[in-house]
Amino acid sequence: MFDKKSDYALNKREKDAIVYINVTGIVYLTREDFASEDEFLKWKSWSDGAYQTSEQAGRSFYDNTIPLDEKLDVIGAVLSAESELFLKQAEAEYVRVSASLLEQIKSCLTEKQYRRLRLFHVESLTLTAIAAAEGVSEPSVSESISSARKNIFKFLEKHPIKMPVFL
């Protein structure tokens, strides 16, 4: 993870200074601390490169590992029998409610609307592909999907959904 308070981040943010952190705090070496503009630019370029190299070296470790101090409470956690049973019941209730909702939504659509909506959203087919498969025009498929969405929104306005909590 990128540390926004690292030497590299502070140095990159300050265009007119070379920034580094020591035991007493943050030190800013400005253009006035150098004999010439060229000397400042040379050292600024060097510090940017050096900080970037050290930042990347540090990041490669953290980008490819999982810090255990953040995960210790989860590692090795075992659910009690009661918790497992509750979880399975909650999953079953969620599946039951989802299936019931799908049937209710299907009931407010024509077979053609449902099929096209499913092909478009679930199967990720394009309007062109659906039209070609059914031998109809793209606008026909588009209008059908649009009508299906409108019917679903009307249904949901009349019948708000209360999904069970699933942890």
Protein backbone atom coordinates (compact mmCIF):
# COMPACT_ATOMS: atom_id res chain seq x y z
CA MET A 1 0.00 0.00 0.00
CA PHE A 2 1.29 3.47 -0.87
CA ASP A 3 2.25 5.50 2.20
CA LYS A 4 1.18 9.12 1.65
CA LYS A 5 3.48 10.26 4.45
CA SER A 6 6.61 8.50 3.20
CA ASP A 7 9.80 10.32 2.24
CA TYR A 8 8.99 9.65 -1.41
CA ALA A 9 5.45 11.08 -1.20
CA LEU A 10 6.57 14.18 0.68
CA ASN A 11 9.47 14.77 -1.70
CA LYS A 12 7.26 14.38 -4.82
CA ARG A 13 4.63 16.76 -3.43
CA GLU A 14 7.18 19.53 -2.80
CA LYS A 15 8.34 20.70 -6.23
CA ASP A 16 10.55 23.46 -4.83
CA ALA A 17 12.30 21.49 -2.10
CA ILE A 18 14.04 18.23 -1.33
CA VAL A 19 12.26 16.67 1.62
CA TYR A 20 13.51 14.03 3.99
CA ILE A 21 12.55 12.78 7.42
CA ASN A 22 15.08 12.48 10.20
CA VAL A 23 14.81 11.88 13.94
CA THR A 24 13.95 15.51 14.66
CA GLY A 25 11.23 15.75 12.02
CA ILE A 26 10.81 16.75 8.39
CA VAL A 27 13.64 18.68 6.74
CA TYR A 28 13.13 20.84 3.65
CA LEU A 29 16.14 21.75 1.50
CA THR A 30 14.97 24.59 -0.76
CA ARG A 31 16.48 26.11 -3.86
CA GLU A 32 18.14 28.77 -1.67
CA ASP A 33 20.15 26.04 0.10
CA PHE A 34 22.01 25.24 -3.14
CA ALA A 35 24.68 27.19 -5.00
CA SER A 36 22.73 27.18 -8.27
CA GLU A 37 19.47 26.20 -9.86
CA ASP A 38 21.23 23.45 -11.82
CA GLU A 39 22.68 21.97 -8.63
CA PHE A 40 19.25 21.99 -6.98
CA LEU A 41 17.62 20.32 -10.00
CA LYS A 42 20.38 17.68 -10.13
CA TRP A 43 19.90 16.76 -6.45
CA LYS A 44 16.09 16.98 -6.71
CA SER A 45 16.15 14.53 -9.61
CA TRP A 46 18.52 12.24 -7.72
CA SER A 47 16.37 12.31 -4.54
CA ASP A 48 13.18 11.61 -6.50
CA GLY A 49 14.81 8.60 -8.15
CA ALA A 50 16.35 7.28 -4.94
CA TYR A 51 13.09 7.64 -2.99
CA GLN A 52 11.12 6.02 -5.79
CA THR A 53 13.47 3.03 -5.86
CA SER A 54 13.20 2.51 -2.10
CA GLU A 55 9.41 3.01 -2.21
CA GLN A 56 9.05 0.38 -4.94
CA ALA A 57 11.23 -2.06 -3.04
CA GLY A 58 9.05 -1.65 0.03
CA ARG A 59 5.85 -1.86 -1.97
CA SER A 60 6.79 -5.08 -3.73
CA PHE A 61 6.86 -6.81 -0.36
CA TYR A 62 3.52 -5.41 0.81
CA ASP A 63 1.81 -5.77 -2.55
CA ASN A 64 2.58 -9.50 -2.59
CA THR A 65 1.81 -10.39 1.03
CA ILE A 66 -1.09 -10.26 3.42
CA PRO A 67 -0.34 -8.41 6.66
CA LEU A 68 -1.19 -10.84 9.44
CA ASP A 69 -1.79 -8.17 12.05
CA GLU A 70 -4.98 -7.21 10.17
CA LYS A 71 -6.17 -10.82 9.81
CA LEU A 72 -5.34 -12.41 13.16
CA ASP A 73 -8.90 -12.25 14.44
CA VAL A 74 -10.14 -14.23 11.42
CA ILE A 75 -7.34 -16.78 11.07
CA GLY A 76 -8.27 -20.02 12.70
CA ALA A 77 -11.74 -18.84 13.63
CA VAL A 78 -14.13 -21.76 13.84
CA LEU A 79 -17.87 -21.32 13.88
CA SER A 80 -19.81 -23.00 16.60
CA ALA A 81 -22.38 -25.62 15.61
CA GLU A 82 -25.17 -23.15 16.38
CA SER A 83 -23.53 -20.44 14.23
CA GLU A 84 -23.09 -22.86 11.33
CA LEU A 85 -26.73 -23.90 11.60
CA PHE A 86 -27.86 -20.27 11.72
CA LEU A 87 -25.70 -19.46 8.69
CA LYS A 88 -27.11 -22.40 6.70
CA GLN A 89 -30.66 -21.36 7.61
CA ALA A 90 -29.95 -17.77 6.58
CA GLU A 91 -28.49 -18.95 3.27
CA ALA A 92 -31.51 -21.17 2.63
CA GLU A 93 -33.90 -18.31 3.42
CA TYR A 94 -31.97 -15.98 1.11
CA VAL A 95 -32.15 -18.52 -1.72
CA ARG A 96 -35.86 -19.10 -1.10
CA VAL A 97 -36.67 -15.38 -1.12
CA SER A 98 -34.50 -14.82 -4.21
CA ALA A 99 -36.23 -17.65 -6.09
CA SER A 100 -39.64 -16.32 -5.09
CA LEU A 101 -38.69 -12.83 -6.23
CA LEU A 102 -37.46 -14.15 -9.56
CA GLU A 103 -40.76 -15.95 -10.11
CA GLN A 104 -42.70 -12.79 -9.24
CA ILE A 105 -40.59 -10.74 -11.65
CA LYS A 106 -41.05 -13.37 -14.38
CA SER A 107 -44.82 -13.16 -13.86
CA CYS A 108 -44.86 -9.45 -14.80
CA LEU A 109 -42.92 -10.05 -18.05
CA THR A 110 -43.73 -11.78 -21.26
CA GLU A 111 -41.69 -14.85 -22.09
CA LYS A 112 -39.90 -12.90 -24.84
CA GLN A 113 -39.07 -9.99 -22.48
CA TYR A 114 -37.72 -12.31 -19.82
CA ARG A 115 -35.62 -14.29 -22.30
CA ARG A 116 -34.10 -11.15 -23.85
CA LEU A 117 -33.49 -9.49 -20.49
CA ARG A 118 -31.77 -12.62 -19.23
CA LEU A 119 -29.64 -12.99 -22.36
CA PHE A 120 -28.61 -9.35 -22.14
CA HIS A 121 -27.90 -9.05 -18.39
CA VAL A 122 -27.05 -12.58 -17.25
CA GLU A 123 -25.47 -14.07 -20.37
CA SER A 124 -23.91 -10.69 -21.34
CA LEU A 125 -24.95 -10.99 -24.99
CA THR A 126 -25.07 -7.82 -27.05
CA LEU A 127 -28.25 -6.50 -28.61
CA THR A 128 -26.77 -7.44 -31.99
CA ALA A 129 -26.15 -11.03 -30.90
CA ILE A 130 -29.63 -11.43 -29.44
CA ALA A 131 -31.22 -9.93 -32.56
CA ALA A 132 -29.18 -12.20 -34.83
CA ALA A 133 -30.05 -15.31 -32.77
CA GLU A 134 -33.78 -14.48 -32.86
CA GLY A 135 -33.83 -13.19 -36.45
CA VAL A 136 -35.20 -9.76 -35.47
CA SER A 137 -33.90 -6.18 -35.52
CA GLU A 138 -31.77 -4.63 -32.78
CA PRO A 139 -34.36 -1.91 -32.05
CA SER A 140 -36.93 -4.65 -31.47
CA VAL A 141 -34.68 -6.30 -28.89
CA SER A 142 -33.83 -2.95 -27.30
CA GLU A 143 -37.51 -1.96 -27.00
CA SER A 144 -38.33 -5.35 -25.50
CA ILE A 145 -35.59 -5.04 -22.85
CA SER A 146 -36.60 -1.46 -22.10
CA SER A 147 -40.25 -2.52 -21.64
CA ALA A 148 -39.15 -5.37 -19.40
CA ARG A 149 -37.21 -2.96 -17.17
CA LYS A 150 -40.18 -0.61 -16.95
CA ASN A 151 -42.46 -3.51 -15.97
CA ILE A 152 -40.00 -4.61 -13.29
CA PHE A 153 -39.75 -1.07 -11.85
CA LYS A 154 -43.56 -0.80 -11.77
CA PHE A 155 -43.74 -4.17 -10.01
CA LEU A 156 -41.11 -3.15 -7.44
CA GLU A 157 -42.91 0.13 -6.73
CA LYS A 158 -46.08 -1.80 -5.91
CA HIS A 159 -44.31 -4.66 -4.08
CA PRO A 160 -41.23 -3.43 -2.16
CA ILE A 161 -38.75 -6.18 -1.42
CA LYS A 162 -37.48 -7.03 2.03
CA MET A 163 -34.50 -9.35 1.61
CA PRO A 164 -33.38 -11.34 4.67
CA VAL A 165 -30.14 -10.32 6.33
CA PHE A 166 -27.38 -12.61 5.11
CA LEU A 167 -24.09 -12.45 6.96
